[in-house]
Each structure stands twice: as structure tokens, then as C-alpha cells.
Amino acid sequence: MVNYDSLVTIAQEFETVVKLWHVVDGIFIWEFITNLDYEWDVIRGNRPYRWTIWVYSLARMSTLLAVILNMVNFDTTNPINCQVWVTSEVSFAYLAFVSSSLLIVLRIIAIWNKAKIIIAIAMSIWVTDILLFISGTIRLRSTWSPEALTCVVDNIESTKPAIICSLVSDIGLLLIMLIGLLPLRGGAFALGRKLWKQGLIWLLLATVAEVPPTVLVILDLNVSLNLISQTPSMIIVTIAATRVYRSLTNIYSSDISHEIPRRNGHAVSEMWPRSLPIPLNRVEVAVHTESDQYPTSQTTRCGSYITADPQGRYKAHEVSFNTDVENGLEK
């Protein structure tokens, strides 16, 4: 039987923590550098500016700063102010979590067409997260260990409410998002299918990332095991959130030819800009109607390429997207 309170066991597990955190820190630094071109394209005007880029960049920058502070603590051999270190480290880590959650909240609000009840629920969950994170950060204490030559967190259990709430709130927000996407999951619209799949993947990653630290902090076996999965969890959530955000600004669908079903007398293509306000690139729309003898054609401008056959069924062709779902909030 493993004695988790043994100093030898704690020291051995802490070495594992240091090695694992260095690996995941390196992965995030690689992820950060290789995707800097996204922000650079926005700065140069090669991509349209959306105010949500600030939330995206905040998630990335706060995670990067948390990663740097990790390495400062583990790689220094000289005593440092551990209380300042732990407060800064945890603050940036929590900021990464709440920024990633905000990206979910913004998508939910857009998908639900800014429904007031949904905004109230989503924002209440998000604000509760923030309050618990602040409470956990204020109560944390850390001291320098001459034996380990690193800062040791003395009361990591004080973060338990924040960690549990983060798991529950992220899963709750993602479920709200998926419920909003239910009418569009069946393949009627390519973007709807993509959003549905992204929501499922995001839900899976959030669960995989946040369940281990939640379980370990509840069990409270020792300080090393309480810490071991917290930084990997932060990095997984940030990478998932920012990659999903980027992917929605690079959707280019072509050669789409599928019927768009009607809901309450309206085609989904007609309802889409209201239920999920995503501006499309302006393209020519040709609406063709056929009579027994003479086909007629009328051309106008709108945000998609739609045709209708003689039976009144709508079809979408060569739709091009170059924006993100959160842009709907700007209108």
C-alpha cells in the first residue's frame, strides 16, 4: 500500500510533476509560436478585425505567462518570493480558464440569437467561476523549500471549490451550446454540422482535461498529486478553445449540394442569419424558377448561394465563409 503522506513519495511524485509540466509547457510554447501568424494577420489587416480577438489573445497570453512562471519556479535554485509567485501563477492560470470559458459563452449567445434568458444563465455561470477563482487565489499560500529548492504550495486544497466549479460550469456551458445546435446537427447545413462536431470535441476535451485535477483535489492524497494535472488541464483547454476559434475564421465550403429543409415555413438558410448571425462574404445569388415552357432567372445579392428547384426545395452551392461565430455579437 502506497503511503501518500510519506516525504519520499511526495518528493518522487513532485519530480514527476516537474517533468510533466516541462513537457506540456514546451507543447504550449510551440503552439503559441506556430500560430502567431493569426494575430499578425489581424494586425496587418489581412484578416477582418473582430473584437473577440482580444478574448482569444487573452487566453493565449495568460497561458503563456503561467507557463513562464512555472519554469521560473522549477528551474531557479535561488530563493524567490513564493507568495508573489503563487499569486501571479494561479492568477494567470485562472485567467486562461475564464478566457477560454468566455469564448464558449460568446458562441452560446450568438447561437441562441442573444436570447436574454440564455445570456443570463451563461453569464451567471461565468461570473460564478470568476468569483471562486478569485477566492481561491486570495487564500493560497506558498513558501520556499530549501530541500526541494522550489516554492511549495502549502494549502492547495483551498482551490478545490474553483476547480470543481470550473469542470461543472464548462460542461454546463458546452451542453447549452450543443442544445442550441441540435436543429442543425443533421447535415442540413455544412456550418451547422461543423459547429456540432466542434462542440462535441470541445466537450470531450474539457471533460478529459478537467476531470483528473478535480478528482485528485477531492481525494487530496498529497500536494504533488493535487498539482500534477492542473497545468496540463489549463493547456489542453486553452489549445482547444483557441483552435476552435481559429477554425471558424477559416471555413471555406465549396461544391456543397444538399437540400436545406424548411422549418415553420422558412428555409434554414433564411433562418440562419437570425439564429446564428454569421456574416458571409457577398456573392451573387441566382434564384431560378421553372415553368412548363420558359425558365426565368433573377439575380440579387445576399450572404449565400441558394437555388430553388420547381418543387420549392432549396439547395446551397459554393458557400464561402471568412469570419467567426462570435462576430454575430457585434451587430
Protein backbone atom coordinates (compact mmCIF):
# COMPACT_ATOMS: atom_id res chain seq x y z
CA MET A 1 0.00 0.00 0.00
CA VAL A 2 1.41 3.37 -1.04
CA ASN A 3 1.89 5.83 1.79
CA TYR A 4 0.93 9.07 0.05
CA ASP A 5 1.92 11.13 3.08
CA SER A 6 5.49 9.86 3.03
CA LEU A 7 8.05 12.58 2.29
CA VAL A 8 9.87 10.19 -0.05
CA THR A 9 6.67 9.51 -2.01
CA ILE A 10 5.84 13.20 -2.20
CA ALA A 11 9.36 14.02 -3.42
CA GLN A 12 9.26 11.30 -6.09
CA GLU A 13 5.85 12.43 -7.30
CA PHE A 14 6.98 16.05 -7.31
CA GLU A 15 9.80 15.09 -9.70
CA THR A 16 7.11 13.66 -11.98
CA VAL A 17 5.17 16.92 -11.69
CA VAL A 18 8.24 18.93 -12.74
CA LYS A 19 8.96 16.69 -15.75
CA LEU A 20 5.33 16.56 -16.91
CA TRP A 21 4.86 20.32 -16.59
CA HIS A 22 8.04 20.97 -18.57
CA VAL A 23 6.72 18.76 -21.37
CA VAL A 24 3.28 20.38 -21.56
CA ASP A 25 4.83 23.85 -21.16
CA GLY A 26 7.02 23.13 -24.18
CA ILE A 27 4.00 21.94 -26.16
CA PHE A 28 2.15 25.16 -25.45
CA ILE A 29 5.13 27.36 -26.33
CA TRP A 30 5.34 25.54 -29.67
CA GLU A 31 1.57 26.01 -30.15
CA PHE A 32 1.82 29.71 -29.28
CA ILE A 33 4.71 30.45 -31.64
CA THR A 34 3.39 28.46 -34.60
CA ASN A 35 0.07 30.33 -34.51
CA LEU A 36 1.37 33.86 -34.03
CA ASP A 37 0.64 34.47 -37.72
CA TYR A 38 -3.07 34.61 -36.88
CA GLU A 39 -2.74 37.71 -34.69
CA TRP A 40 -0.18 39.16 -37.10
CA ASP A 41 -2.64 38.80 -39.99
CA VAL A 42 -5.27 40.68 -37.97
CA ILE A 43 -2.77 43.45 -37.16
CA ARG A 44 -1.78 43.80 -40.82
CA GLY A 45 -5.41 43.80 -41.94
CA ASN A 46 -5.18 40.50 -43.82
CA ARG A 47 -8.00 39.23 -41.63
CA PRO A 48 -11.10 41.19 -40.61
CA TYR A 49 -10.90 42.67 -37.13
CA ARG A 50 -13.37 41.26 -34.60
CA TRP A 51 -13.41 42.44 -31.01
CA THR A 52 -13.42 38.79 -29.87
CA ILE A 53 -9.75 38.61 -30.95
CA TRP A 54 -8.99 40.23 -27.59
CA VAL A 55 -10.58 37.34 -25.71
CA TYR A 56 -8.71 34.86 -27.90
CA SER A 57 -5.38 36.66 -27.37
CA LEU A 58 -6.01 37.00 -23.63
CA ALA A 59 -6.46 33.23 -23.31
CA ARG A 60 -3.20 32.62 -25.16
CA MET A 61 -1.16 35.32 -23.39
CA SER A 62 -2.32 34.43 -19.88
CA THR A 63 -1.49 30.77 -20.52
CA LEU A 64 1.94 31.74 -21.83
CA LEU A 65 2.65 33.84 -18.73
CA ALA A 66 1.52 30.98 -16.46
CA VAL A 67 3.84 28.63 -18.35
CA ILE A 68 6.78 31.03 -17.97
CA LEU A 69 6.14 31.35 -14.23
CA ASN A 70 6.05 27.55 -13.98
CA MET A 71 9.52 27.31 -15.43
CA VAL A 72 10.83 30.19 -13.32
CA ASN A 73 9.83 28.34 -10.16
CA PHE A 74 11.06 24.92 -11.18
CA ASP A 75 14.32 26.00 -12.81
CA THR A 76 15.60 28.51 -10.26
CA THR A 77 17.89 27.44 -7.41
CA ASN A 78 17.82 30.76 -5.56
CA PRO A 79 15.06 31.67 -3.10
CA ILE A 80 12.28 33.82 -4.55
CA ASN A 81 9.22 35.50 -3.09
CA CYS A 82 6.96 32.46 -3.19
CA GLN A 83 3.79 34.29 -2.20
CA VAL A 84 4.13 36.69 -5.12
CA TRP A 85 4.97 33.77 -7.39
CA VAL A 86 1.98 31.61 -6.44
CA THR A 87 -0.46 34.54 -6.63
CA SER A 88 0.80 35.53 -10.09
CA GLU A 89 0.99 31.94 -11.34
CA VAL A 90 -2.51 30.99 -10.24
CA SER A 91 -3.98 34.33 -11.38
CA PHE A 92 -2.72 33.83 -14.94
CA ALA A 93 -3.80 30.18 -14.94
CA TYR A 94 -7.30 31.09 -13.81
CA LEU A 95 -7.40 33.95 -16.31
CA ALA A 96 -6.66 31.41 -19.04
CA PHE A 97 -9.57 29.27 -17.87
CA VAL A 98 -12.08 32.13 -17.67
CA SER A 99 -10.98 33.50 -21.07
CA SER A 100 -11.48 30.08 -22.65
CA SER A 101 -14.88 29.83 -20.96
CA LEU A 102 -15.78 33.27 -22.27
CA LEU A 103 -15.20 32.03 -25.82
CA ILE A 104 -17.82 29.36 -25.09
CA VAL A 105 -20.18 31.96 -23.63
CA LEU A 106 -19.87 34.23 -26.67
CA ARG A 107 -20.59 31.35 -29.01
CA ILE A 108 -23.62 30.33 -26.93
CA ILE A 109 -25.03 33.87 -27.04
CA ALA A 110 -24.62 34.00 -30.82
CA ILE A 111 -26.09 30.54 -31.40
CA TRP A 112 -29.13 31.34 -29.24
CA ASN A 113 -29.62 34.68 -31.04
CA LYS A 114 -28.89 36.73 -27.91
CA ALA A 115 -31.84 35.26 -26.01
CA LYS A 116 -31.99 37.12 -22.70
CA ILE A 117 -32.57 34.02 -20.57
CA ILE A 118 -29.59 32.27 -22.17
CA ILE A 119 -27.39 35.34 -21.71
CA ALA A 120 -28.41 35.48 -18.03
CA ILE A 121 -27.68 31.79 -17.46
CA ALA A 122 -24.37 31.75 -19.32
CA MET A 123 -23.07 34.95 -17.74
CA SER A 124 -24.14 33.82 -14.26
CA ILE A 125 -22.17 30.61 -14.65
CA TRP A 126 -19.15 32.51 -15.96
CA VAL A 127 -19.22 35.14 -13.19
CA THR A 128 -19.54 32.42 -10.53
CA ASP A 129 -16.40 30.85 -11.96
CA ILE A 130 -14.55 34.16 -11.67
CA LEU A 131 -15.62 34.74 -8.05
CA LEU A 132 -14.50 31.28 -6.96
CA PHE A 133 -11.20 31.68 -8.79
CA ILE A 134 -10.56 34.98 -7.02
CA SER A 135 -11.42 33.45 -3.65
CA GLY A 136 -9.08 30.50 -4.23
CA THR A 137 -6.24 32.76 -5.34
CA ILE A 138 -6.51 35.03 -2.28
CA ARG A 139 -6.36 32.10 0.13
CA LEU A 140 -3.38 30.32 -1.45
CA ARG A 141 -0.10 30.34 0.47
CA SER A 142 3.36 29.28 -0.68
CA THR A 143 6.78 29.09 0.97
CA TRP A 144 10.32 28.35 -0.21
CA SER A 145 11.58 24.81 0.40
CA PRO A 146 15.40 24.64 0.89
CA GLU A 147 15.31 20.89 0.40
CA ALA A 148 13.40 20.96 -2.88
CA LEU A 149 14.89 24.31 -3.99
CA THR A 150 11.45 25.43 -5.15
CA CYS A 151 8.29 27.08 -3.93
CA VAL A 152 5.84 24.71 -2.27
CA VAL A 153 2.12 25.44 -2.09
CA ASP A 154 1.00 24.96 1.49
CA ASN A 155 -2.79 24.84 1.07
CA ILE A 156 -3.57 23.70 -2.45
CA GLU A 157 -6.88 22.33 -1.13
CA SER A 158 -8.18 25.91 -0.98
CA THR A 159 -8.56 25.77 -4.78
CA LYS A 160 -10.96 22.82 -4.58
CA PRO A 161 -14.21 24.84 -4.99
CA ALA A 162 -12.81 26.72 -8.01
CA ILE A 163 -11.56 23.56 -9.73
CA ILE A 164 -14.84 21.70 -9.19
CA CYS A 165 -16.87 24.70 -10.35
CA SER A 166 -14.70 25.06 -13.47
CA LEU A 167 -15.44 21.49 -14.53
CA VAL A 168 -19.17 21.74 -13.85
CA SER A 169 -19.55 25.16 -15.47
CA ASP A 170 -17.61 24.28 -18.64
CA ILE A 171 -19.62 21.09 -19.13
CA GLY A 172 -22.84 23.01 -18.46
CA LEU A 173 -21.94 25.76 -20.96
CA LEU A 174 -20.99 23.24 -23.63
CA LEU A 175 -24.25 21.35 -23.15
CA ILE A 176 -26.21 24.61 -23.57
CA MET A 177 -24.27 25.24 -26.76
CA LEU A 178 -24.99 21.75 -28.10
CA ILE A 179 -28.71 22.09 -27.31
CA GLY A 180 -28.75 25.26 -29.38
CA LEU A 181 -27.11 23.41 -32.25
CA LEU A 182 -29.46 20.39 -32.14
CA PRO A 183 -31.67 21.61 -35.03
CA LEU A 184 -28.60 21.98 -37.27
CA ARG A 185 -26.70 18.78 -36.48
CA GLY A 186 -28.33 16.58 -39.08
CA GLY A 187 -26.44 17.78 -42.13
CA ALA A 188 -28.81 20.40 -43.47
CA PHE A 189 -26.06 23.00 -43.45
CA ALA A 190 -22.32 22.40 -43.60
CA LEU A 191 -21.50 25.05 -40.99
CA GLY A 192 -24.12 23.63 -38.64
CA ARG A 193 -22.51 20.20 -38.88
CA LYS A 194 -19.09 21.68 -38.23
CA LEU A 195 -20.26 23.62 -35.17
CA TRP A 196 -21.95 20.50 -33.81
CA LYS A 197 -18.83 18.37 -34.24
CA GLN A 198 -16.64 21.07 -32.71
CA GLY A 199 -18.99 21.28 -29.73
CA LEU A 200 -18.77 17.52 -29.15
CA ILE A 201 -14.97 17.54 -29.44
CA TRP A 202 -14.70 20.55 -27.12
CA LEU A 203 -16.98 18.84 -24.57
CA LEU A 204 -14.85 15.68 -24.71
CA LEU A 205 -11.59 17.60 -24.31
CA ALA A 206 -12.93 19.70 -21.45
CA THR A 207 -14.03 16.55 -19.66
CA VAL A 208 -10.74 14.73 -20.26
CA ALA A 209 -8.73 17.79 -19.20
CA GLU A 210 -10.67 18.87 -16.12
CA VAL A 211 -11.85 15.60 -14.57
CA PRO A 212 -8.37 14.39 -13.39
CA PRO A 213 -7.47 17.56 -11.42
CA THR A 214 -10.99 17.67 -9.96
CA VAL A 215 -10.83 14.04 -8.80
CA LEU A 216 -7.30 14.40 -7.39
CA VAL A 217 -8.05 17.60 -5.49
CA ILE A 218 -11.17 15.98 -3.99
CA LEU A 219 -9.18 12.90 -2.91
CA ASP A 220 -6.41 15.21 -1.56
CA LEU A 221 -3.83 12.41 -1.40
CA ASN A 222 -0.85 14.77 -1.20
CA VAL A 223 0.31 18.11 -2.57
CA SER A 224 2.18 16.60 -5.55
CA LEU A 225 -0.82 14.67 -6.84
CA ASN A 226 -3.05 17.69 -6.29
CA LEU A 227 -0.78 19.69 -8.59
CA ILE A 228 0.19 17.15 -11.24
CA SER A 229 -2.69 17.60 -13.70
CA GLN A 230 -3.57 21.26 -13.17
CA THR A 231 -1.19 22.81 -15.70
CA PRO A 232 -1.90 20.12 -18.35
CA SER A 233 -5.61 20.84 -17.84
CA MET A 234 -5.12 24.57 -18.41
CA ILE A 235 -3.06 24.00 -21.55
CA ILE A 236 -5.48 21.47 -23.07
CA VAL A 237 -8.46 23.77 -22.51
CA THR A 238 -6.64 26.80 -23.94
CA ILE A 239 -5.40 24.96 -27.03
CA ALA A 240 -8.86 23.52 -27.67
CA ALA A 241 -10.61 26.88 -27.23
CA THR A 242 -8.20 28.86 -29.41
CA ARG A 243 -8.01 26.24 -32.17
CA VAL A 244 -11.80 26.08 -32.39
CA TYR A 245 -11.89 29.88 -32.54
CA ARG A 246 -9.34 29.97 -35.37
CA SER A 247 -11.04 27.24 -37.34
CA LEU A 248 -14.27 29.22 -37.53
CA THR A 249 -12.47 32.07 -39.25
CA ASN A 250 -11.12 29.78 -41.93
CA ILE A 251 -14.18 27.93 -43.15
CA TYR A 252 -14.37 27.69 -46.91
CA SER A 253 -17.11 25.41 -48.15
CA SER A 254 -17.39 24.66 -51.84
CA ASP A 255 -19.34 22.31 -54.05
CA ILE A 256 -21.99 21.97 -51.36
CA SER A 257 -25.12 20.50 -52.82
CA HIS A 258 -27.64 19.42 -50.24
CA GLU A 259 -31.25 20.20 -49.60
CA ILE A 260 -32.00 22.73 -46.90
CA PRO A 261 -35.16 21.68 -45.03
CA ARG A 262 -37.86 24.13 -44.12
CA ARG A 263 -38.77 24.99 -40.54
CA ASN A 264 -42.11 26.66 -39.82
CA GLY A 265 -42.42 27.71 -43.42
CA HIS A 266 -38.89 29.12 -43.70
CA ALA A 267 -35.79 27.55 -45.15
CA VAL A 268 -32.92 27.04 -42.72
CA SER A 269 -30.83 29.30 -44.93
CA GLU A 270 -33.37 32.06 -44.29
CA MET A 271 -33.36 31.46 -40.54
CA TRP A 272 -29.58 31.07 -40.17
CA PRO A 273 -28.57 34.76 -40.04
CA ARG A 274 -31.05 35.31 -37.20
CA SER A 275 -30.43 32.13 -35.19
CA LEU A 276 -26.67 32.19 -35.75
CA PRO A 277 -25.54 35.61 -37.00
CA ILE A 278 -22.50 34.79 -39.11
CA PRO A 279 -21.92 37.28 -41.92
CA LEU A 280 -20.95 35.68 -45.19
CA ASN A 281 -18.85 37.07 -47.99
CA ARG A 282 -21.03 38.83 -50.53
CA VAL A 283 -21.66 36.64 -53.56
CA GLU A 284 -24.15 36.65 -56.38
CA VAL A 285 -27.30 34.64 -55.70
CA ALA A 286 -29.16 33.16 -58.59
CA VAL A 287 -32.73 32.06 -57.79
CA HIS A 288 -34.14 30.01 -60.66
CA THR A 289 -37.79 29.17 -61.17
CA GLU A 290 -39.07 26.97 -63.94
CA SER A 291 -42.41 26.90 -65.67
CA ASP A 292 -43.60 24.34 -68.17
CA GLN A 293 -42.12 26.29 -71.08
CA TYR A 294 -39.76 29.06 -70.02
CA PRO A 295 -37.23 29.10 -67.18
CA THR A 296 -36.70 32.51 -65.62
CA SER A 297 -33.81 33.82 -63.56
CA GLN A 298 -33.36 36.68 -61.15
CA THR A 299 -30.06 37.76 -59.59
CA THR A 300 -29.57 39.69 -56.37
CA ARG A 301 -27.01 39.99 -53.54
CA CYS A 302 -27.08 38.27 -50.18
CA GLY A 303 -24.84 36.14 -47.98
CA SER A 304 -25.13 32.71 -49.57
CA TYR A 305 -25.60 30.91 -52.87
CA ILE A 306 -29.12 29.45 -52.88
CA THR A 307 -31.13 27.87 -55.67
CA ALA A 308 -34.67 26.51 -55.68
CA ASP A 309 -35.99 23.71 -57.86
CA PRO A 310 -39.57 23.59 -59.29
CA GLN A 311 -40.79 21.75 -56.18
CA GLY A 312 -39.70 24.63 -53.96
CA ARG A 313 -36.81 22.77 -52.34
CA TYR A 314 -33.81 24.91 -51.54
CA LYS A 315 -30.23 23.94 -52.31
CA ALA A 316 -26.97 25.63 -51.30
CA HIS A 317 -23.93 25.85 -53.59
CA GLU A 318 -20.39 27.10 -53.09
CA VAL A 319 -20.85 28.98 -49.88
CA SER A 320 -17.69 30.82 -48.69
CA PHE A 321 -17.13 31.84 -45.08
CA ASN A 322 -14.36 34.02 -43.71
CA THR A 323 -15.39 35.00 -40.20
CA ASP A 324 -16.23 33.55 -36.82
CA VAL A 325 -19.42 32.73 -34.95
CA GLU A 326 -18.76 35.32 -32.25
CA ASN A 327 -18.97 38.09 -34.86
CA GLY A 328 -22.71 37.91 -34.52
CA LEU A 329 -22.40 39.66 -31.18
CA GLU A 330 -21.04 42.76 -32.83
CA LYS A 331 -24.32 43.51 -34.52
